[in-house]
Amino acid sequence: MTRPLPLVAGLLGLVFLALAVVYWLTPAGSLPSFLPGFQPGGEHAHVKHALGSLIVALILFVFGWLQRERERR
């Protein structure tokens, strides 16, 4: 592998996928305070944040896969 771009895109995709799971399963009051959407005492999940993170993760996975295929040729 001569270019690290597919690896970086894949790792960032994993980070955003984990972030989507955290947003989906954790109430707003239990989120870490450094994440956007933290609301003390909030009981709702941030579905829009979760979907946004999931979409970014999928885009990064596709981008990494396309870069890897381009590298093989």
PDB file of N, CA and C in Angstrom:
ATOM      1  N   MET A   1       0.855  -1.179   0.000  1.00  0.00           N
ATOM      2  CA  MET A   1       0.000   0.000   0.000  1.00  0.00           C
ATOM      3  C   MET A   1       0.895   1.234   0.000  1.00  0.00           C
ATOM      4  N   THR A   2       0.767   2.012  -1.049  1.00  0.00           N
ATOM      5  CA  THR A   2       1.629   3.180  -1.170  1.00  0.00           C
ATOM      6  C   THR A   2       0.972   4.450  -0.644  1.00  0.00           C
ATOM      7  N   ARG A   3      -0.360   4.440  -0.557  1.00  0.00           N
ATOM      8  CA  ARG A   3      -1.062   5.630  -0.075  1.00  0.00           C
ATOM      9  C   ARG A   3      -1.901   5.276   1.152  1.00  0.00           C
ATOM     10  N   PRO A   4      -1.824   6.095   2.193  1.00  0.00           N
ATOM     11  CA  PRO A   4      -2.585   5.784   3.411  1.00  0.00           C
ATOM     12  C   PRO A   4      -4.027   6.280   3.389  1.00  0.00           C
ATOM     13  N   LEU A   5      -4.460   6.900   2.297  1.00  0.00           N
ATOM     14  CA  LEU A   5      -5.797   7.491   2.252  1.00  0.00           C
ATOM     15  C   LEU A   5      -6.921   6.483   2.484  1.00  0.00           C
ATOM     16  N   PRO A   6      -6.908   5.288   1.870  1.00  0.00           N
ATOM     17  CA  PRO A   6      -7.982   4.328   2.166  1.00  0.00           C
ATOM     18  C   PRO A   6      -8.013   3.897   3.632  1.00  0.00           C
ATOM     19  N   LEU A   7      -6.846   3.735   4.225  1.00  0.00           N
ATOM     20  CA  LEU A   7      -6.779   3.349   5.631  1.00  0.00           C
ATOM     21  C   LEU A   7      -7.335   4.453   6.528  1.00  0.00           C
ATOM     22  N   VAL A   8      -6.964   5.682   6.261  1.00  0.00           N
ATOM     23  CA  VAL A   8      -7.441   6.812   7.059  1.00  0.00           C
ATOM     24  C   VAL A   8      -8.958   6.957   6.916  1.00  0.00           C
ATOM     25  N   ALA A   9      -9.460   6.822   5.688  1.00  0.00           N
ATOM     26  CA  ALA A   9     -10.912   6.920   5.467  1.00  0.00           C
ATOM     27  C   ALA A   9     -11.641   5.797   6.200  1.00  0.00           C
ATOM     28  N   GLY A  10     -11.095   4.593   6.180  1.00  0.00           N
ATOM     29  CA  GLY A  10     -11.716   3.478   6.891  1.00  0.00           C
ATOM     30  C   GLY A  10     -11.722   3.681   8.397  1.00  0.00           C
ATOM     31  N   LEU A  11     -10.624   4.174   8.936  1.00  0.00           N
ATOM     32  CA  LEU A  11     -10.559   4.417  10.384  1.00  0.00           C
ATOM     33  C   LEU A  11     -11.508   5.537  10.808  1.00  0.00           C
ATOM     34  N   LEU A  12     -11.566   6.600  10.013  1.00  0.00           N
ATOM     35  CA  LEU A  12     -12.518   7.672  10.318  1.00  0.00           C
ATOM     36  C   LEU A  12     -13.954   7.176  10.190  1.00  0.00           C
ATOM     37  N   GLY A  13     -14.198   6.288   9.234  1.00  0.00           N
ATOM     38  CA  GLY A  13     -15.522   5.685   9.100  1.00  0.00           C
ATOM     39  C   GLY A  13     -15.901   4.907  10.348  1.00  0.00           C
ATOM     40  N   LEU A  14     -14.954   4.167  10.907  1.00  0.00           N
ATOM     41  CA  LEU A  14     -15.223   3.426  12.143  1.00  0.00           C
ATOM     42  C   LEU A  14     -15.514   4.370  13.311  1.00  0.00           C
ATOM     43  N   VAL A  15     -14.796   5.478  13.372  1.00  0.00           N
ATOM     44  CA  VAL A  15     -15.030   6.458  14.437  1.00  0.00           C
ATOM     45  C   VAL A  15     -16.439   7.038  14.326  1.00  0.00           C
ATOM     46  N   PHE A  16     -16.844   7.408  13.111  1.00  0.00           N
ATOM     47  CA  PHE A  16     -18.180   7.973  12.931  1.00  0.00           C
ATOM     48  C   PHE A  16     -19.271   6.928  13.135  1.00  0.00           C
ATOM     49  N   LEU A  17     -18.978   5.678  12.813  1.00  0.00           N
ATOM     50  CA  LEU A  17     -19.947   4.611  13.069  1.00  0.00           C
ATOM     51  C   LEU A  17     -20.139   4.424  14.574  1.00  0.00           C
ATOM     52  N   ALA A  18     -19.053   4.437  15.321  1.00  0.00           N
ATOM     53  CA  ALA A  18     -19.154   4.333  16.782  1.00  0.00           C
ATOM     54  C   ALA A  18     -19.894   5.535  17.358  1.00  0.00           C
ATOM     55  N   LEU A  19     -19.641   6.712  16.802  1.00  0.00           N
ATOM     56  CA  LEU A  19     -20.331   7.914  17.257  1.00  0.00           C
ATOM     57  C   LEU A  19     -21.833   7.826  16.979  1.00  0.00           C
ATOM     58  N   ALA A  20     -22.206   7.259  15.839  1.00  0.00           N
ATOM     59  CA  ALA A  20     -23.624   7.080  15.514  1.00  0.00           C
ATOM     60  C   ALA A  20     -24.295   6.146  16.518  1.00  0.00           C
ATOM     61  N   VAL A  21     -23.602   5.084  16.906  1.00  0.00           N
ATOM     62  CA  VAL A  21     -24.159   4.150  17.892  1.00  0.00           C
ATOM     63  C   VAL A  21     -24.322   4.840  19.243  1.00  0.00           C
ATOM     64  N   VAL A  22     -23.345   5.643  19.626  1.00  0.00           N
ATOM     65  CA  VAL A  22     -23.437   6.367  20.901  1.00  0.00           C
ATOM     66  C   VAL A  22     -24.627   7.320  20.883  1.00  0.00           C
ATOM     67  N   TYR A  23     -24.769   8.078  19.803  1.00  0.00           N
ATOM     68  CA  TYR A  23     -25.901   9.007  19.714  1.00  0.00           C
ATOM     69  C   TYR A  23     -27.234   8.271  19.713  1.00  0.00           C
ATOM     70  N   TRP A  24     -27.287   7.114  19.072  1.00  0.00           N
ATOM     71  CA  TRP A  24     -28.547   6.383  18.957  1.00  0.00           C
ATOM     72  C   TRP A  24     -28.971   5.767  20.295  1.00  0.00           C
ATOM     73  N   LEU A  25     -28.011   5.258  21.069  1.00  0.00           N
ATOM     74  CA  LEU A  25     -28.336   4.486  22.267  1.00  0.00           C
ATOM     75  C   LEU A  25     -28.263   5.260  23.578  1.00  0.00           C
ATOM     76  N   THR A  26     -27.669   6.449  23.560  1.00  0.00           N
ATOM     77  CA  THR A  26     -27.433   7.180  24.800  1.00  0.00           C
ATOM     78  C   THR A  26     -28.358   8.389  24.892  1.00  0.00           C
ATOM     79  N   PRO A  27     -29.064   8.558  26.007  1.00  0.00           N
ATOM     80  CA  PRO A  27     -29.877   9.768  26.186  1.00  0.00           C
ATOM     81  C   PRO A  27     -28.996  11.016  26.215  1.00  0.00           C
ATOM     82  N   ALA A  28     -29.578  12.159  25.879  1.00  0.00           N
ATOM     83  CA  ALA A  28     -28.823  13.409  25.777  1.00  0.00           C
ATOM     84  C   ALA A  28     -28.143  13.773  27.101  1.00  0.00           C
ATOM     85  N   GLY A  29     -28.751  13.461  28.215  1.00  0.00           N
ATOM     86  CA  GLY A  29     -28.153  13.792  29.507  1.00  0.00           C
ATOM     87  C   GLY A  29     -26.987  12.901  29.886  1.00  0.00           C
ATOM     88  N   SER A  30     -26.862  11.753  29.228  1.00  0.00           N
ATOM     89  CA  SER A  30     -25.779  10.819  29.539  1.00  0.00           C
ATOM     90  C   SER A  30     -24.636  10.879  28.540  1.00  0.00           C
ATOM     91  N   LEU A  31     -24.765  11.723  27.518  1.00  0.00           N
ATOM     92  CA  LEU A  31     -23.676  11.864  26.553  1.00  0.00           C
ATOM     93  C   LEU A  31     -22.469  12.503  27.225  1.00  0.00           C
ATOM     94  N   PRO A  32     -21.266  12.189  26.764  1.00  0.00           N
ATOM     95  CA  PRO A  32     -20.106  12.916  27.266  1.00  0.00           C
ATOM     96  C   PRO A  32     -20.254  14.409  26.949  1.00  0.00           C
ATOM     97  N   SER A  33     -19.810  15.248  27.842  1.00  0.00           N
ATOM     98  CA  SER A  33     -20.061  16.685  27.698  1.00  0.00           C
ATOM     99  C   SER A  33     -19.331  17.311  26.517  1.00  0.00           C
ATOM    100  N   PHE A  34     -18.320  16.636  25.948  1.00  0.00           N
ATOM    101  CA  PHE A  34     -17.597  17.214  24.817  1.00  0.00           C
ATOM    102  C   PHE A  34     -18.299  16.949  23.481  1.00  0.00           C
ATOM    103  N   LEU A  35     -19.340  16.111  23.470  1.00  0.00           N
ATOM    104  CA  LEU A  35     -20.082  15.839  22.242  1.00  0.00           C
ATOM    105  C   LEU A  35     -21.178  16.875  22.035  1.00  0.00           C
ATOM    106  N   PRO A  36     -21.380  17.310  20.791  1.00  0.00           N
ATOM    107  CA  PRO A  36     -22.504  18.208  20.531  1.00  0.00           C
ATOM    108  C   PRO A  36     -23.823  17.504  20.848  1.00  0.00           C
ATOM    109  N   GLY A  37     -24.737  18.211  21.435  1.00  0.00           N
ATOM    110  CA  GLY A  37     -26.036  17.634  21.782  1.00  0.00           C
ATOM    111  C   GLY A  37     -26.168  17.264  23.242  1.00  0.00           C
ATOM    112  N   PHE A  38     -25.109  17.436  24.027  1.00  0.00           N
ATOM    113  CA  PHE A  38     -25.196  17.150  25.463  1.00  0.00           C
ATOM    114  C   PHE A  38     -26.149  18.142  26.108  1.00  0.00           C
ATOM    115  N   GLN A  39     -27.146  17.620  26.828  1.00  0.00           N
ATOM    116  CA  GLN A  39     -28.094  18.449  27.556  1.00  0.00           C
ATOM    117  C   GLN A  39     -28.266  17.841  28.940  1.00  0.00           C
ATOM    118  N   PRO A  40     -27.834  18.561  29.973  1.00  0.00           N
ATOM    119  CA  PRO A  40     -27.990  18.009  31.319  1.00  0.00           C
ATOM    120  C   PRO A  40     -29.448  17.666  31.611  1.00  0.00           C
ATOM    121  N   GLY A  41     -29.692  16.450  32.018  1.00  0.00           N
ATOM    122  CA  GLY A  41     -31.034  16.004  32.352  1.00  0.00           C
ATOM    123  C   GLY A  41     -31.885  15.606  31.160  1.00  0.00           C
ATOM    124  N   GLY A  42     -31.338  15.692  29.953  1.00  0.00           N
ATOM    125  CA  GLY A  42     -32.106  15.332  28.760  1.00  0.00           C
ATOM    126  C   GLY A  42     -32.319  13.831  28.675  1.00  0.00           C
ATOM    127  N   GLU A  43     -33.512  13.421  28.284  1.00  0.00           N
ATOM    128  CA  GLU A  43     -33.850  12.000  28.233  1.00  0.00           C
ATOM    129  C   GLU A  43     -34.052  11.476  26.806  1.00  0.00           C
ATOM    130  N   HIS A  44     -33.980  12.336  25.812  1.00  0.00           N
ATOM    131  CA  HIS A  44     -34.228  11.877  24.441  1.00  0.00           C
ATOM    132  C   HIS A  44     -32.913  11.546  23.737  1.00  0.00           C
ATOM    133  N   ALA A  45     -32.983  10.681  22.752  1.00  0.00           N
ATOM    134  CA  ALA A  45     -31.819  10.342  21.935  1.00  0.00           C
ATOM    135  C   ALA A  45     -31.749  11.316  20.765  1.00  0.00           C
ATOM    136  N   HIS A  46     -30.562  11.602  20.325  1.00  0.00           N
ATOM    137  CA  HIS A  46     -30.361  12.508  19.197  1.00  0.00           C
ATOM    138  C   HIS A  46     -30.352  11.701  17.904  1.00  0.00           C
ATOM    139  N   VAL A  47     -31.525  11.470  17.367  1.00  0.00           N
ATOM    140  CA  VAL A  47     -31.665  10.639  16.170  1.00  0.00           C
ATOM    141  C   VAL A  47     -31.031  11.327  14.967  1.00  0.00           C
ATOM    142  N   LYS A  48     -31.197  12.633  14.831  1.00  0.00           N
ATOM    143  CA  LYS A  48     -30.613  13.343  13.689  1.00  0.00           C
ATOM    144  C   LYS A  48     -29.086  13.316  13.742  1.00  0.00           C
ATOM    145  N   HIS A  49     -28.519  13.472  14.929  1.00  0.00           N
ATOM    146  CA  HIS A  49     -27.070  13.371  15.063  1.00  0.00           C
ATOM    147  C   HIS A  49     -26.605  11.964  14.690  1.00  0.00           C
ATOM    148  N   ALA A  50     -27.347  10.955  15.116  1.00  0.00           N
ATOM    149  CA  ALA A  50     -26.988   9.566  14.821  1.00  0.00           C
ATOM    150  C   ALA A  50     -27.046   9.300  13.323  1.00  0.00           C
ATOM    151  N   LEU A  51     -28.112   9.750  12.667  1.00  0.00           N
ATOM    152  CA  LEU A  51     -28.232   9.542  11.226  1.00  0.00           C
ATOM    153  C   LEU A  51     -27.152  10.301  10.463  1.00  0.00           C
ATOM    154  N   GLY A  52     -26.844  11.508  10.895  1.00  0.00           N
ATOM    155  CA  GLY A  52     -25.771  12.274  10.255  1.00  0.00           C
ATOM    156  C   GLY A  52     -24.428  11.578  10.376  1.00  0.00           C
ATOM    157  N   SER A  53     -24.131  11.071  11.558  1.00  0.00           N
ATOM    158  CA  SER A  53     -22.870  10.348  11.762  1.00  0.00           C
ATOM    159  C   SER A  53     -22.830   9.056  10.944  1.00  0.00           C
ATOM    160  N   LEU A  54     -23.962   8.378  10.850  1.00  0.00           N
ATOM    161  CA  LEU A  54     -24.030   7.156  10.060  1.00  0.00           C
ATOM    162  C   LEU A  54     -23.818   7.441   8.574  1.00  0.00           C
ATOM    163  N   ILE A  55     -24.403   8.504   8.071  1.00  0.00           N
ATOM    164  CA  ILE A  55     -24.223   8.868   6.662  1.00  0.00           C
ATOM    165  C   ILE A  55     -22.773   9.230   6.382  1.00  0.00           C
ATOM    166  N   VAL A  56     -22.147   9.992   7.277  1.00  0.00           N
ATOM    167  CA  VAL A  56     -20.733  10.340   7.101  1.00  0.00           C
ATOM    168  C   VAL A  56     -19.874   9.073   7.122  1.00  0.00           C
ATOM    169  N   ALA A  57     -20.177   8.133   8.012  1.00  0.00           N
ATOM    170  CA  ALA A  57     -19.428   6.877   8.081  1.00  0.00           C
ATOM    171  C   ALA A  57     -19.562   6.098   6.775  1.00  0.00           C
ATOM    172  N   LEU A  58     -20.766   6.007   6.238  1.00  0.00           N
ATOM    173  CA  LEU A  58     -20.972   5.282   4.985  1.00  0.00           C
ATOM    174  C   LEU A  58     -20.238   5.954   3.827  1.00  0.00           C
ATOM    175  N   ILE A  59     -20.257   7.277   3.774  1.00  0.00           N
ATOM    176  CA  ILE A  59     -19.529   8.003   2.726  1.00  0.00           C
ATOM    177  C   ILE A  59     -18.035   7.737   2.837  1.00  0.00           C
ATOM    178  N   LEU A  60     -17.511   7.738   4.057  1.00  0.00           N
ATOM    179  CA  LEU A  60     -16.079   7.473   4.247  1.00  0.00           C
ATOM    180  C   LEU A  60     -15.721   6.041   3.858  1.00  0.00           C
ATOM    181  N   PHE A  61     -16.576   5.075   4.184  1.00  0.00           N
ATOM    182  CA  PHE A  61     -16.313   3.687   3.793  1.00  0.00           C
ATOM    183  C   PHE A  61     -16.294   3.540   2.277  1.00  0.00           C
ATOM    184  N   VAL A  62     -17.256   4.150   1.600  1.00  0.00           N
ATOM    185  CA  VAL A  62     -17.304   4.073   0.134  1.00  0.00           C
ATOM    186  C   VAL A  62     -16.091   4.774  -0.465  1.00  0.00           C
ATOM    187  N   PHE A  63     -15.741   5.931   0.059  1.00  0.00           N
ATOM    188  CA  PHE A  63     -14.573   6.661  -0.434  1.00  0.00           C
ATOM    189  C   PHE A  63     -13.296   5.835  -0.270  1.00  0.00           C
ATOM    190  N   GLY A  64     -13.120   5.229   0.906  1.00  0.00           N
ATOM    191  CA  GLY A  64     -11.942   4.394   1.137  1.00  0.00           C
ATOM    192  C   GLY A  64     -11.897   3.190   0.218  1.00  0.00           C
ATOM    193  N   TRP A  65     -13.064   2.585  -0.011  1.00  0.00           N
ATOM    194  CA  TRP A  65     -13.130   1.423  -0.890  1.00  0.00           C
ATOM    195  C   TRP A  65     -12.794   1.817  -2.323  1.00  0.00           C
ATOM    196  N   LEU A  66     -13.335   2.952  -2.787  1.00  0.00           N
ATOM    197  CA  LEU A  66     -13.044   3.406  -4.140  1.00  0.00           C
ATOM    198  C   LEU A  66     -11.563   3.763  -4.306  1.00  0.00           C
ATOM    199  N   GLN A  67     -10.976   4.375  -3.292  1.00  0.00           N
ATOM    200  CA  GLN A  67      -9.553   4.706  -3.363  1.00  0.00           C
ATOM    201  C   GLN A  67      -8.698   3.442  -3.380  1.00  0.00           C
ATOM    202  N   ARG A  68      -9.117   2.438  -2.652  1.00  0.00           N
ATOM    203  CA  ARG A  68      -8.379   1.174  -2.626  1.00  0.00           C
ATOM    204  C   ARG A  68      -8.451   0.483  -3.981  1.00  0.00           C
ATOM    205  N   GLU A  69      -9.630   0.486  -4.600  1.00  0.00           N
ATOM    206  CA  GLU A  69      -9.790  -0.119  -5.923  1.00  0.00           C
ATOM    207  C   GLU A  69      -8.961   0.640  -6.965  1.00  0.00           C
ATOM    208  N   ARG A  70      -8.912   1.946  -6.834  1.00  0.00           N
ATOM    209  CA  ARG A  70      -8.120   2.759  -7.757  1.00  0.00           C
ATOM    210  C   ARG A  70      -6.637   2.451  -7.602  1.00  0.00           C
ATOM    211  N   GLU A  71      -6.231   2.180  -6.365  1.00  0.00           N
ATOM    212  CA  GLU A  71      -4.824   1.878  -6.091  1.00  0.00           C
ATOM    213  C   GLU A  71      -4.408   0.533  -6.672  1.00  0.00           C
ATOM    214  N   ARG A  72      -5.357  -0.418  -6.742  1.00  0.00           N
ATOM    215  CA  ARG A  72      -5.046  -1.753  -7.252  1.00  0.00           C
ATOM    216  C   ARG A  72      -4.732  -1.743  -8.742  1.00  0.00           C
ATOM    217  N   ARG A  73      -5.329  -0.826  -9.491  1.00  0.00           N
ATOM    218  CA  ARG A  73      -5.124  -0.799 -10.940  1.00  0.00           C
ATOM    219  C   ARG A  73      -3.789  -0.292 -11.337  1.00  0.00           C
TER     220      ARG A  73
END
